Structures are given as structure tokens and as C-alpha cells.
């Protein structure tokens, strides 16, 4: 059974930094994208950042570009989201997600729709006060 476990959320002030971590277990083989999504109260789940399997390709939502950085540790099956210069509008539950297995050039892609990710963590709360 595939499991994703997030950690690192918390309450911080505007301008502070947080690092979210996601550990994946129970998955054999290789070749899938990983991503971070977030969901604020009353809003739909939105894409934050993702990392393709191939080519070290990353993708960021415009709202976090230049402030957030995603890292992927293939050996440890882990992905990290470094969040700097946090803003109150970043407040949300953050979810780690793992996609389906890719092949060929598809492994350069980073899907942005939550429906394309079959595996999800339980979420971690990030609250940024002004």
C-alpha cells in the first residue's frame, strides 16, 4: 500500500520560512511525478509545485514562483517544499501527491490537475499570520 506522510507545517508570521517534507513508502519501481497542492477553507485544491521524474524539471504556480522551491530525493523517495517569504494568503492545508507511472517523454511532464494524482498524503496545516 502506497503511503505519503507530510510533516513540517505550523504557524509562522508573514515573511518567515517553513520547510515541508513528504516521505513515500510502499511503492516499488520508478518513474512518477510528485507535487504539492494546497487547499484553503472554501476554496478548491490548487497546484503549488511539482517535480517531474526526468530531467530535474520543476513547475511552480505563479503565486509562489520565486518564493517556494521543490526538491526531490530519489534515493529516499522523498520530496521537500522550501517556502520562503510566506504571506497570509499562503495559509492552507498542504498536500503531497504522487502521480501514476510515466514512460518516455511523459516523464518530463508535471501534471497540475489534482485528478491526475492517485496518491495523496493526509495534509499538513500551514498558517501565516500578518
Foldseek 3Di string as FASTA:
>chain_A
DKAKAKDWADEEAAQAKIKMKIAIDDDDDDAWKKFKWWDDPPDDIWGAKIAFRPDRDMDGDPVQPPFWDKDADPVRRMIMIIGGRDDQVVWTWMKMFIADGDDDPRRNDDDTDPVRTPYMHPTDTHGYHD
